[in-house]
Amino acid sequence: MTDFSIEHGYADYSEAELLEQAQENVQALILATASFVKQQGIPPVEWAAAIGEVFARGWGDVRPWDAGEFLDAVLTNLRSLGADVITADLGVDRAEATTRGFPDPVLVELLGVDPAPAGVFHDAISVIAEPRGLRWTWRREKEGVTRYIVERIVDDRVKRRPRSRSKPPAPAS
């Protein structure tokens, strides 16, 4: 028998503490995998496509989605990874949001990894969006902010709001 004692055992953690640990673990897994994929010379676009194809199976039957409906679902998933939603505009034809916290800069520093390859994780979402009639784009901005844009596609083009057109002058009588 050992003199080992546990001050705070597995049963003593609250649900909030376990959620935080799960978020850190999944982010660490994504960061480590992205780093490994890069080291192995696997093209990031291939990894993103593979992840997207697997994840798409969990999104149910393929059907047209509203842009805002889709982005809301993505934001829910990002929040489950530990991201904080800063802004969200969930329109029918176009939706846009910003988040912070994925990947977590403190975790990136702790693990000593480059966070850039983990951005490929966001590229996987385009594989889910496209068959649902949507275009997915994202970009990193300053201070750890990531911006996401979802646009509805109609006939291979992004559906845009109609522009107001000036009426031609009335014929002279």
Protein backbone atom coordinates (compact mmCIF):
# COMPACT_ATOMS: atom_id res chain seq x y z
CA MET A 1 0.00 0.00 0.00
CA THR A 2 1.19 3.54 -0.78
CA ASP A 3 0.85 6.78 1.11
CA PHE A 4 -0.57 8.44 -2.00
CA SER A 5 -3.58 10.60 -1.27
CA ILE A 6 -5.79 12.52 -3.64
CA GLU A 7 -6.86 15.98 -2.57
CA HIS A 8 -9.38 16.43 -5.34
CA GLY A 9 -10.53 13.13 -6.88
CA TYR A 10 -12.48 12.47 -10.06
CA ALA A 11 -15.80 12.44 -8.21
CA ASP A 12 -15.16 15.85 -6.67
CA TYR A 13 -15.17 17.85 -9.91
CA SER A 14 -18.25 19.89 -10.71
CA GLU A 15 -19.98 19.65 -14.08
CA ALA A 16 -18.64 23.11 -14.95
CA GLU A 17 -15.07 22.02 -14.16
CA LEU A 18 -15.50 18.86 -16.22
CA LEU A 19 -16.89 20.87 -19.15
CA GLU A 20 -13.90 23.20 -19.02
CA GLN A 21 -11.53 20.23 -18.96
CA ALA A 22 -13.34 18.57 -21.86
CA GLN A 23 -13.09 21.78 -23.89
CA GLU A 24 -9.36 22.02 -23.20
CA ASN A 25 -8.88 18.34 -24.07
CA VAL A 26 -10.69 18.58 -27.40
CA GLN A 27 -8.85 21.76 -28.33
CA ALA A 28 -5.55 20.08 -27.42
CA LEU A 29 -6.50 17.10 -29.58
CA ILE A 30 -7.32 19.35 -32.55
CA LEU A 31 -4.10 21.36 -32.11
CA ALA A 32 -1.96 18.23 -31.76
CA THR A 33 -3.59 16.55 -34.76
CA ALA A 34 -3.23 19.65 -36.93
CA SER A 35 0.42 19.91 -35.93
CA PHE A 36 0.99 16.23 -36.74
CA VAL A 37 -0.79 16.46 -40.09
CA LYS A 38 1.41 19.44 -41.02
CA GLN A 39 4.59 17.61 -39.94
CA GLN A 40 3.60 14.60 -42.05
CA GLY A 41 3.17 16.77 -45.13
CA ILE A 42 -0.51 15.94 -45.51
CA PRO A 43 -2.19 18.78 -47.43
CA PRO A 44 -4.44 20.69 -45.05
CA VAL A 45 -7.24 20.74 -47.63
CA GLU A 46 -7.29 16.91 -47.62
CA TRP A 47 -7.51 16.78 -43.83
CA ALA A 48 -10.32 19.36 -43.86
CA ALA A 49 -12.25 17.43 -46.52
CA ALA A 50 -11.88 14.17 -44.58
CA ILE A 51 -13.06 15.75 -41.32
CA GLY A 52 -15.94 17.50 -43.09
CA GLU A 53 -17.12 14.28 -44.76
CA VAL A 54 -17.19 12.45 -41.42
CA PHE A 55 -18.81 15.31 -39.52
CA ALA A 56 -21.43 15.80 -42.26
CA ARG A 57 -22.86 12.38 -41.41
CA GLY A 58 -23.99 13.80 -38.07
CA TRP A 59 -25.89 16.70 -39.67
CA GLY A 60 -28.83 14.57 -40.78
CA ASP A 61 -30.39 14.43 -44.21
CA VAL A 62 -29.05 16.85 -46.76
CA ARG A 63 -31.60 19.59 -47.31
CA PRO A 64 -31.43 23.31 -48.00
CA TRP A 65 -30.66 25.33 -44.87
CA ASP A 66 -31.06 29.02 -44.14
CA ALA A 67 -27.70 30.74 -43.63
CA GLY A 68 -28.61 31.80 -40.09
CA GLU A 69 -29.90 28.35 -39.16
CA PHE A 70 -26.61 26.82 -40.30
CA LEU A 71 -24.39 29.38 -38.59
CA ASP A 72 -26.37 28.99 -35.36
CA ALA A 73 -25.62 25.24 -35.42
CA VAL A 74 -21.93 25.90 -36.13
CA LEU A 75 -21.74 28.45 -33.30
CA THR A 76 -23.26 25.89 -30.95
CA ASN A 77 -20.49 23.47 -31.91
CA LEU A 78 -17.80 26.13 -31.55
CA ARG A 79 -19.12 27.07 -28.10
CA SER A 80 -18.90 23.41 -27.11
CA LEU A 81 -15.19 23.61 -28.01
CA GLY A 82 -14.74 26.61 -25.72
CA ALA A 83 -15.20 29.51 -28.17
CA ASP A 84 -17.03 32.63 -27.04
CA VAL A 85 -19.46 34.19 -29.51
CA ILE A 86 -18.83 37.93 -29.74
CA THR A 87 -21.31 38.89 -32.47
CA ALA A 88 -23.93 37.05 -34.49
CA ASP A 89 -26.26 38.22 -37.25
CA LEU A 90 -28.32 35.21 -38.33
CA GLY A 91 -30.14 36.21 -41.51
CA VAL A 92 -31.90 33.88 -43.92
CA ASP A 93 -29.68 34.48 -46.97
CA ARG A 94 -26.55 35.71 -45.18
CA ALA A 95 -25.27 35.19 -41.68
CA GLU A 96 -22.12 36.48 -40.03
CA ALA A 97 -20.55 35.98 -36.62
CA THR A 98 -17.32 36.48 -34.72
CA THR A 99 -15.83 34.34 -31.98
CA ARG A 100 -12.83 34.28 -29.71
CA GLY A 101 -11.25 31.44 -27.76
CA PHE A 102 -10.78 28.73 -30.39
CA PRO A 103 -8.06 27.92 -30.29
CA ASP A 104 -7.40 29.11 -26.76
CA PRO A 105 -4.20 31.21 -26.80
CA VAL A 106 -3.22 30.06 -23.30
CA LEU A 107 -3.48 26.41 -24.38
CA VAL A 108 -1.55 27.12 -27.59
CA GLU A 109 1.28 28.62 -25.51
CA LEU A 110 1.18 25.78 -22.96
CA LEU A 111 1.43 23.14 -25.70
CA GLY A 112 4.01 25.12 -27.69
CA VAL A 113 2.20 24.64 -30.99
CA ASP A 114 1.43 26.89 -33.93
CA PRO A 115 -2.32 27.65 -33.91
CA ALA A 116 -2.47 28.31 -37.67
CA PRO A 117 -2.80 24.66 -38.79
CA ALA A 118 -5.81 24.26 -36.49
CA GLY A 119 -7.61 26.77 -38.69
CA VAL A 120 -8.07 23.94 -41.16
CA PHE A 121 -10.72 22.72 -38.74
CA HIS A 122 -12.86 25.66 -39.89
CA ASP A 123 -12.33 24.65 -43.53
CA ALA A 124 -14.04 21.32 -42.82
CA ILE A 125 -17.32 23.17 -42.32
CA SER A 126 -17.44 24.12 -46.01
CA VAL A 127 -17.80 20.41 -46.82
CA ILE A 128 -20.92 20.35 -44.63
CA ALA A 129 -22.29 23.66 -45.94
CA GLU A 130 -22.02 23.15 -49.69
CA PRO A 131 -24.53 20.29 -50.15
CA ARG A 132 -26.94 22.28 -47.99
CA GLY A 133 -26.90 25.14 -50.50
CA LEU A 134 -24.51 27.37 -48.56
CA ARG A 135 -21.10 28.97 -48.99
CA TRP A 136 -18.94 29.00 -45.86
CA THR A 137 -15.99 31.35 -45.42
CA TRP A 138 -13.94 32.35 -42.42
CA ARG A 139 -10.88 34.44 -41.57
CA ARG A 140 -8.76 35.27 -38.58
CA GLU A 141 -8.77 38.87 -37.46
CA LYS A 142 -6.87 40.82 -34.83
CA GLU A 143 -6.75 39.91 -31.15
CA GLY A 144 -7.78 36.27 -31.54
CA VAL A 145 -11.08 37.00 -33.26
CA THR A 146 -12.36 34.71 -36.02
CA ARG A 147 -15.07 35.89 -38.45
CA TYR A 148 -17.46 33.44 -40.14
CA ILE A 149 -19.76 34.19 -43.08
CA VAL A 150 -22.45 31.90 -44.46
CA GLU A 151 -24.28 32.78 -47.68
CA ARG A 152 -27.10 30.96 -49.40
CA ILE A 153 -26.23 29.73 -52.90
CA VAL A 154 -28.80 29.76 -55.69
CA ASP A 155 -27.92 28.33 -59.12
CA ASP A 156 -24.19 28.14 -58.24
CA ARG A 157 -24.17 31.81 -57.19
CA VAL A 158 -24.41 33.43 -53.81
CA LYS A 159 -27.89 34.83 -53.32
CA ARG A 160 -27.60 38.52 -52.69
CA ARG A 161 -30.19 40.97 -51.56
CA PRO A 162 -31.76 42.71 -54.54
CA ARG A 163 -30.24 46.08 -55.19
CA SER A 164 -32.57 48.98 -55.56
CA ARG A 165 -32.71 50.09 -59.13
CA SER A 166 -33.81 53.46 -60.28
CA LYS A 167 -36.81 53.41 -62.49
CA PRO A 168 -36.37 54.56 -66.05
CA PRO A 169 -37.89 57.94 -66.76
CA ALA A 170 -41.56 57.84 -67.72
CA PRO A 171 -42.17 58.40 -71.41
CA ALA A 172 -43.20 61.93 -72.29
CA SER A 173 -46.83 62.27 -73.31
